[in-house]
């Protein structure tokens, strides 16, 4: 499920790019190649979003010298949700202590929605800053 939620949007965008534009390289230029530029930036944005989440959740706990904090209240929390192993768990166990969140919004759905949101918004933001000729 995690592979689908992190890689599904970039994989779909890559396939759509190949169908629409073919396998050749096309420079990002909204004035000449609007569709190819939009699709390329969507793909890169969704990949960067998924990679950033993965790096943050896998490497940050190893490199950080302080305990993690909740982004909503800035309260310090233990590493992971299962205190006996120190690992993050996706489903409740007897050793896991519930910290925050809703059952419908787990890590996988957050990854999927953030990847979709970035894929939709990034090309528009880039196009708004693109120099007009």
N, C-alpha and C. Protein backbone atom coordinates (compact mmCIF):
# COMPACT_ATOMS: atom_id res chain seq x y z
N UNK A 1 0.82 -1.19 0.00
CA UNK A 1 0.00 0.00 0.00
C UNK A 1 0.87 1.26 0.00
N UNK A 2 1.97 1.23 0.77
CA UNK A 2 2.83 2.40 0.84
C UNK A 2 3.51 2.68 -0.50
N UNK A 3 3.91 1.63 -1.20
CA UNK A 3 4.53 1.81 -2.52
C UNK A 3 3.55 2.43 -3.49
N UNK A 4 2.30 1.99 -3.45
CA UNK A 4 1.27 2.57 -4.32
C UNK A 4 1.03 4.04 -3.98
N UNK A 5 0.92 4.36 -2.69
CA UNK A 5 0.62 5.73 -2.29
C UNK A 5 1.79 6.68 -2.57
N UNK A 6 3.02 6.20 -2.43
CA UNK A 6 4.18 7.05 -2.70
C UNK A 6 4.56 7.07 -4.18
N UNK A 7 4.39 5.96 -4.88
CA UNK A 7 4.86 5.88 -6.26
C UNK A 7 3.77 5.84 -7.31
N UNK A 8 2.52 5.73 -6.92
CA UNK A 8 1.43 5.64 -7.88
C UNK A 8 1.26 6.89 -8.72
N UNK A 9 1.26 8.05 -8.10
CA UNK A 9 1.08 9.31 -8.83
C UNK A 9 2.26 9.57 -9.78
N UNK A 10 3.51 9.46 -9.31
CA UNK A 10 4.62 9.66 -10.26
C UNK A 10 4.62 8.64 -11.40
N UNK A 11 4.27 7.39 -11.12
CA UNK A 11 4.24 6.37 -12.17
C UNK A 11 3.17 6.70 -13.21
N UNK A 12 2.01 7.11 -12.75
CA UNK A 12 0.94 7.49 -13.68
C UNK A 12 1.34 8.70 -14.51
N UNK A 13 1.94 9.69 -13.88
CA UNK A 13 2.38 10.87 -14.62
C UNK A 13 3.47 10.55 -15.63
N UNK A 14 4.37 9.63 -15.27
CA UNK A 14 5.42 9.22 -16.21
C UNK A 14 4.82 8.52 -17.43
N UNK A 15 3.83 7.65 -17.20
CA UNK A 15 3.17 6.98 -18.31
C UNK A 15 2.42 7.97 -19.20
N UNK A 16 1.70 8.90 -18.58
CA UNK A 16 0.99 9.92 -19.36
C UNK A 16 1.96 10.79 -20.16
N UNK A 17 3.09 11.11 -19.57
CA UNK A 17 4.11 11.91 -20.28
C UNK A 17 4.61 11.15 -21.49
N UNK A 18 4.89 9.85 -21.31
CA UNK A 18 5.39 9.04 -22.42
C UNK A 18 4.34 8.92 -23.54
N UNK A 19 3.08 8.74 -23.18
CA UNK A 19 2.02 8.63 -24.18
C UNK A 19 1.85 9.95 -24.92
N UNK A 20 1.86 11.04 -24.19
CA UNK A 20 1.61 12.36 -24.78
C UNK A 20 2.81 12.90 -25.57
N UNK A 21 4.01 12.73 -25.04
CA UNK A 21 5.18 13.40 -25.61
C UNK A 21 6.23 12.47 -26.20
N UNK A 22 6.12 11.18 -25.95
CA UNK A 22 7.11 10.24 -26.46
C UNK A 22 8.32 10.16 -25.55
N UNK A 23 9.30 9.32 -25.93
CA UNK A 23 10.45 9.09 -25.06
C UNK A 23 11.56 10.13 -25.15
N UNK A 24 11.47 11.08 -26.05
CA UNK A 24 12.54 12.07 -26.21
C UNK A 24 12.56 13.11 -25.11
N UNK A 25 13.67 13.80 -25.02
CA UNK A 25 13.81 14.88 -24.03
C UNK A 25 13.24 16.17 -24.59
N UNK A 26 12.44 16.84 -23.78
CA UNK A 26 11.85 18.12 -24.16
C UNK A 26 12.16 19.10 -23.05
N UNK A 27 12.74 20.26 -23.36
CA UNK A 27 13.05 21.22 -22.29
C UNK A 27 11.78 21.80 -21.68
N UNK A 28 11.89 22.19 -20.43
CA UNK A 28 10.76 22.85 -19.76
C UNK A 28 10.70 24.28 -20.27
N UNK A 29 9.67 24.56 -21.06
CA UNK A 29 9.47 25.88 -21.64
C UNK A 29 7.97 26.06 -21.86
N UNK A 30 7.33 26.79 -20.95
CA UNK A 30 5.88 26.94 -21.00
C UNK A 30 5.42 27.67 -22.25
N UNK A 31 6.26 28.54 -22.82
CA UNK A 31 5.84 29.29 -24.00
C UNK A 31 5.82 28.43 -25.26
N UNK A 32 6.63 27.38 -25.33
CA UNK A 32 6.69 26.54 -26.53
C UNK A 32 6.12 25.14 -26.31
N UNK A 33 6.34 24.56 -25.17
CA UNK A 33 5.91 23.19 -24.86
C UNK A 33 5.14 23.19 -23.54
N UNK A 34 3.93 23.77 -23.54
CA UNK A 34 3.18 23.94 -22.30
C UNK A 34 2.82 22.59 -21.67
N UNK A 35 2.24 21.69 -22.45
CA UNK A 35 1.79 20.40 -21.90
C UNK A 35 2.95 19.57 -21.38
N UNK A 36 4.02 19.48 -22.14
CA UNK A 36 5.19 18.71 -21.71
C UNK A 36 5.80 19.31 -20.45
N UNK A 37 5.85 20.64 -20.39
CA UNK A 37 6.41 21.31 -19.21
C UNK A 37 5.55 21.05 -17.98
N UNK A 38 4.23 21.15 -18.15
CA UNK A 38 3.32 20.92 -17.05
C UNK A 38 3.47 19.49 -16.52
N UNK A 39 3.49 18.52 -17.43
CA UNK A 39 3.58 17.12 -17.01
C UNK A 39 4.92 16.80 -16.37
N UNK A 40 5.99 17.36 -16.90
CA UNK A 40 7.32 17.12 -16.35
C UNK A 40 7.44 17.68 -14.93
N UNK A 41 6.96 18.90 -14.72
CA UNK A 41 7.03 19.48 -13.38
C UNK A 41 6.10 18.76 -12.40
N UNK A 42 4.97 18.28 -12.88
CA UNK A 42 4.09 17.48 -12.01
C UNK A 42 4.79 16.21 -11.57
N UNK A 43 5.45 15.55 -12.51
CA UNK A 43 6.18 14.32 -12.19
C UNK A 43 7.31 14.59 -11.21
N UNK A 44 8.10 15.61 -11.48
CA UNK A 44 9.22 15.93 -10.59
C UNK A 44 8.74 16.35 -9.20
N UNK A 45 7.67 17.12 -9.14
CA UNK A 45 7.12 17.56 -7.86
C UNK A 45 6.60 16.41 -7.03
N UNK A 46 5.87 15.48 -7.66
CA UNK A 46 5.33 14.36 -6.89
C UNK A 46 6.45 13.41 -6.44
N UNK A 47 7.48 13.24 -7.27
CA UNK A 47 8.63 12.43 -6.84
C UNK A 47 9.36 13.08 -5.67
N UNK A 48 9.55 14.40 -5.75
CA UNK A 48 10.23 15.12 -4.67
C UNK A 48 9.43 15.06 -3.37
N UNK A 49 8.11 15.16 -3.48
CA UNK A 49 7.25 15.09 -2.30
C UNK A 49 7.36 13.72 -1.63
N UNK A 50 7.29 12.66 -2.42
CA UNK A 50 7.39 11.31 -1.87
C UNK A 50 8.78 11.04 -1.30
N UNK A 51 9.81 11.48 -2.01
CA UNK A 51 11.18 11.28 -1.53
C UNK A 51 11.43 12.05 -0.24
N UNK A 52 10.92 13.27 -0.17
CA UNK A 52 11.10 14.07 1.04
C UNK A 52 10.46 13.43 2.25
N UNK A 53 9.26 12.87 2.07
CA UNK A 53 8.59 12.19 3.17
C UNK A 53 9.38 10.96 3.61
N UNK A 54 9.87 10.20 2.64
CA UNK A 54 10.62 8.99 2.96
C UNK A 54 11.92 9.32 3.67
N UNK A 55 12.66 10.30 3.17
CA UNK A 55 13.92 10.69 3.80
C UNK A 55 13.67 11.22 5.21
N UNK A 56 12.63 12.01 5.37
CA UNK A 56 12.35 12.58 6.69
C UNK A 56 11.98 11.51 7.70
N UNK A 57 11.19 10.52 7.27
CA UNK A 57 10.76 9.51 8.22
C UNK A 57 11.80 8.42 8.47
N UNK A 58 12.72 8.21 7.52
CA UNK A 58 13.72 7.17 7.69
C UNK A 58 15.04 7.69 8.25
N UNK A 59 15.46 8.86 7.83
CA UNK A 59 16.78 9.36 8.21
C UNK A 59 16.74 10.31 9.40
N UNK A 60 15.70 11.11 9.49
CA UNK A 60 15.62 12.09 10.58
C UNK A 60 15.68 11.46 11.97
N UNK A 61 14.97 10.35 12.22
CA UNK A 61 15.08 9.76 13.56
C UNK A 61 16.50 9.27 13.90
N UNK A 62 17.26 8.90 12.89
CA UNK A 62 18.63 8.43 13.13
C UNK A 62 19.58 9.59 13.40
N UNK A 63 19.42 10.68 12.65
CA UNK A 63 20.35 11.80 12.76
C UNK A 63 19.98 12.82 13.83
N UNK A 64 18.72 12.87 14.21
CA UNK A 64 18.28 13.88 15.17
C UNK A 64 18.76 13.54 16.58
N UNK A 65 19.19 14.56 17.30
CA UNK A 65 19.64 14.38 18.69
C UNK A 65 18.53 14.70 19.69
N UNK A 66 17.42 15.26 19.21
CA UNK A 66 16.31 15.59 20.10
C UNK A 66 15.08 14.76 19.70
N UNK A 67 14.16 14.57 20.64
CA UNK A 67 12.95 13.79 20.32
C UNK A 67 12.07 14.54 19.31
N UNK A 68 11.27 13.80 18.54
CA UNK A 68 10.39 14.46 17.58
C UNK A 68 9.30 15.25 18.28
N UNK A 69 8.70 16.17 17.52
CA UNK A 69 7.61 17.00 18.04
C UNK A 69 6.41 16.91 17.11
N UNK A 70 5.23 17.03 17.69
CA UNK A 70 4.02 17.09 16.89
C UNK A 70 3.97 18.44 16.19
N UNK A 71 3.64 18.44 14.92
CA UNK A 71 3.60 19.68 14.17
C UNK A 71 2.41 20.55 14.59
N UNK A 72 1.36 19.95 15.16
CA UNK A 72 0.17 20.70 15.55
C UNK A 72 0.32 21.43 16.87
N UNK A 73 1.00 20.83 17.85
CA UNK A 73 1.11 21.45 19.17
C UNK A 73 2.54 21.68 19.62
N UNK A 74 3.51 21.21 18.84
CA UNK A 74 4.95 21.32 19.14
C UNK A 74 5.32 20.55 20.41
N UNK A 75 4.45 19.64 20.84
CA UNK A 75 4.70 18.81 22.02
C UNK A 75 5.70 17.70 21.67
N UNK A 76 6.65 17.43 22.59
CA UNK A 76 7.61 16.36 22.39
C UNK A 76 6.91 15.02 22.51
N UNK A 77 7.26 14.10 21.60
CA UNK A 77 6.68 12.76 21.61
C UNK A 77 7.81 11.75 21.47
N UNK A 78 7.58 10.50 21.89
CA UNK A 78 8.63 9.49 21.74
C UNK A 78 8.82 9.11 20.27
N UNK A 79 9.99 8.59 19.94
CA UNK A 79 10.27 8.14 18.57
C UNK A 79 9.38 6.94 18.29
N UNK A 80 8.62 6.98 17.16
CA UNK A 80 7.72 5.89 16.79
C UNK A 80 6.45 5.95 17.63
N UNK A 81 5.60 5.08 17.55
CA UNK A 81 4.37 4.93 18.34
C UNK A 81 4.44 3.74 19.24
N UNK A 82 5.27 2.67 18.93
CA UNK A 82 5.47 1.50 19.78
C UNK A 82 6.68 1.78 20.65
N UNK A 83 6.48 2.09 21.94
CA UNK A 83 7.56 2.48 22.84
C UNK A 83 8.54 1.35 23.14
N UNK A 84 8.11 0.09 23.04
CA UNK A 84 9.01 -1.02 23.36
C UNK A 84 10.06 -1.23 22.27
N UNK A 85 9.71 -0.96 21.00
CA UNK A 85 10.67 -1.15 19.91
C UNK A 85 11.18 0.17 19.35
N UNK A 86 10.48 1.26 19.59
CA UNK A 86 10.88 2.55 19.04
C UNK A 86 10.55 2.71 17.57
N UNK A 87 9.70 1.84 17.05
CA UNK A 87 9.33 1.89 15.63
C UNK A 87 7.93 2.44 15.47
N UNK A 88 7.71 3.06 14.31
CA UNK A 88 6.39 3.57 13.98
C UNK A 88 5.52 2.40 13.55
N UNK A 89 4.30 2.35 14.05
CA UNK A 89 3.38 1.28 13.69
C UNK A 89 2.17 1.89 12.98
N UNK A 90 1.62 1.13 12.06
CA UNK A 90 0.45 1.59 11.31
C UNK A 90 -0.86 1.14 11.92
N UNK A 91 -0.80 0.10 12.74
CA UNK A 91 -2.01 -0.44 13.35
C UNK A 91 -1.81 -0.53 14.86
N UNK A 92 -2.88 -0.33 15.64
CA UNK A 92 -2.76 -0.37 17.09
C UNK A 92 -2.31 -1.73 17.60
N UNK A 93 -1.44 -1.70 18.59
CA UNK A 93 -1.03 -2.91 19.29
C UNK A 93 -1.14 -2.64 20.78
N UNK A 94 -0.92 -3.66 21.59
CA UNK A 94 -1.02 -3.46 23.04
C UNK A 94 0.12 -2.59 23.56
N UNK A 95 1.28 -2.61 22.89
CA UNK A 95 2.43 -1.80 23.32
C UNK A 95 2.42 -0.39 22.74
N UNK A 96 1.65 -0.18 21.68
CA UNK A 96 1.65 1.12 21.00
C UNK A 96 0.74 2.10 21.74
N UNK A 97 1.22 3.33 21.86
CA UNK A 97 0.46 4.39 22.51
C UNK A 97 -0.02 5.35 21.43
N UNK A 98 -1.33 5.57 21.34
CA UNK A 98 -1.89 6.48 20.35
C UNK A 98 -1.52 7.92 20.72
N UNK A 99 -0.94 8.64 19.75
CA UNK A 99 -0.52 10.02 20.01
C UNK A 99 -1.48 11.01 19.37
N UNK A 100 -1.71 10.90 18.06
CA UNK A 100 -2.60 11.84 17.39
C UNK A 100 -3.02 11.28 16.04
N UNK A 101 -3.94 12.00 15.40
CA UNK A 101 -4.39 11.63 14.07
C UNK A 101 -5.77 11.02 14.08
N UNK A 102 -6.29 10.83 12.91
CA UNK A 102 -7.60 10.22 12.72
C UNK A 102 -7.40 8.89 12.00
N UNK A 103 -8.24 7.92 12.27
CA UNK A 103 -8.07 6.61 11.63
C UNK A 103 -8.16 6.67 10.10
N UNK A 104 -8.88 7.64 9.54
CA UNK A 104 -9.01 7.71 8.08
C UNK A 104 -7.82 8.40 7.43
N UNK A 105 -7.02 9.09 8.20
CA UNK A 105 -5.90 9.84 7.64
C UNK A 105 -4.59 9.27 8.17
N UNK A 106 -4.18 8.13 7.62
CA UNK A 106 -2.93 7.52 8.05
C UNK A 106 -1.78 8.01 7.19
N UNK A 107 -0.60 7.49 7.41
CA UNK A 107 0.59 7.92 6.68
C UNK A 107 0.44 7.73 5.17
N UNK A 108 -0.18 6.63 4.77
CA UNK A 108 -0.33 6.36 3.35
C UNK A 108 -1.24 7.37 2.66
N UNK A 109 -2.38 7.70 3.28
CA UNK A 109 -3.27 8.67 2.65
C UNK A 109 -2.67 10.06 2.65
N UNK A 110 -1.92 10.41 3.67
CA UNK A 110 -1.23 11.71 3.67
C UNK A 110 -0.23 11.76 2.52
N UNK A 111 0.53 10.68 2.31
CA UNK A 111 1.48 10.64 1.20
C UNK A 111 0.78 10.74 -0.15
N UNK A 112 -0.32 10.04 -0.32
CA UNK A 112 -1.06 10.06 -1.59
C UNK A 112 -1.62 11.45 -1.86
N UNK A 113 -2.29 12.04 -0.89
CA UNK A 113 -2.89 13.36 -1.10
C UNK A 113 -1.85 14.46 -1.28
N UNK A 114 -0.76 14.39 -0.54
CA UNK A 114 0.27 15.42 -0.71
C UNK A 114 0.94 15.30 -2.07
N UNK A 115 1.14 14.08 -2.56
CA UNK A 115 1.72 13.87 -3.88
C UNK A 115 0.79 14.41 -4.97
N UNK A 116 -0.50 14.16 -4.84
CA UNK A 116 -1.48 14.68 -5.81
C UNK A 116 -1.53 16.20 -5.76
N UNK A 117 -1.56 16.76 -4.56
CA UNK A 117 -1.64 18.21 -4.40
C UNK A 117 -0.43 18.91 -5.00
N UNK A 118 0.76 18.40 -4.73
CA UNK A 118 1.98 18.99 -5.29
C UNK A 118 1.98 18.86 -6.81
N UNK A 119 1.55 17.69 -7.33
CA UNK A 119 1.52 17.49 -8.78
C UNK A 119 0.56 18.46 -9.47
N UNK A 120 -0.50 18.85 -8.79
CA UNK A 120 -1.45 19.79 -9.36
C UNK A 120 -1.01 21.25 -9.21
N UNK A 121 -0.38 21.58 -8.09
CA UNK A 121 -0.06 22.98 -7.80
C UNK A 121 1.29 23.45 -8.35
N UNK A 122 2.30 22.59 -8.33
CA UNK A 122 3.65 23.02 -8.73
C UNK A 122 3.73 23.58 -10.14
N UNK A 123 3.13 22.94 -11.16
CA UNK A 123 3.22 23.53 -12.50
C UNK A 123 2.59 24.92 -12.59
N UNK A 124 1.47 25.12 -11.91
CA UNK A 124 0.83 26.44 -11.92
C UNK A 124 1.68 27.51 -11.26
N UNK A 125 2.33 27.15 -10.16
CA UNK A 125 3.22 28.10 -9.49
C UNK A 125 4.42 28.41 -10.38
N UNK A 126 5.01 27.37 -10.98
CA UNK A 126 6.16 27.58 -11.87
C UNK A 126 5.77 28.43 -13.08
N UNK A 127 4.58 28.17 -13.65
CA UNK A 127 4.14 28.93 -14.81
C UNK A 127 3.91 30.40 -14.45
N UNK A 128 3.44 30.67 -13.24
CA UNK A 128 3.20 32.07 -12.85
C UNK A 128 4.51 32.85 -12.72
N UNK A 129 5.62 32.17 -12.44
CA UNK A 129 6.92 32.83 -12.34
C UNK A 129 7.70 32.77 -13.66
N UNK A 130 7.18 32.04 -14.64
CA UNK A 130 7.89 31.88 -15.90
C UNK A 130 7.92 33.21 -16.66
N UNK A 131 9.09 33.60 -17.17
CA UNK A 131 9.17 34.89 -17.89
C UNK A 131 8.31 34.88 -19.15
N UNK A 132 7.58 35.95 -19.36
CA UNK A 132 6.74 36.09 -20.55
C UNK A 132 7.53 36.78 -21.65
N UNK A 133 7.38 36.27 -22.87
CA UNK A 133 8.10 36.90 -23.98
C UNK A 133 7.17 37.60 -24.91
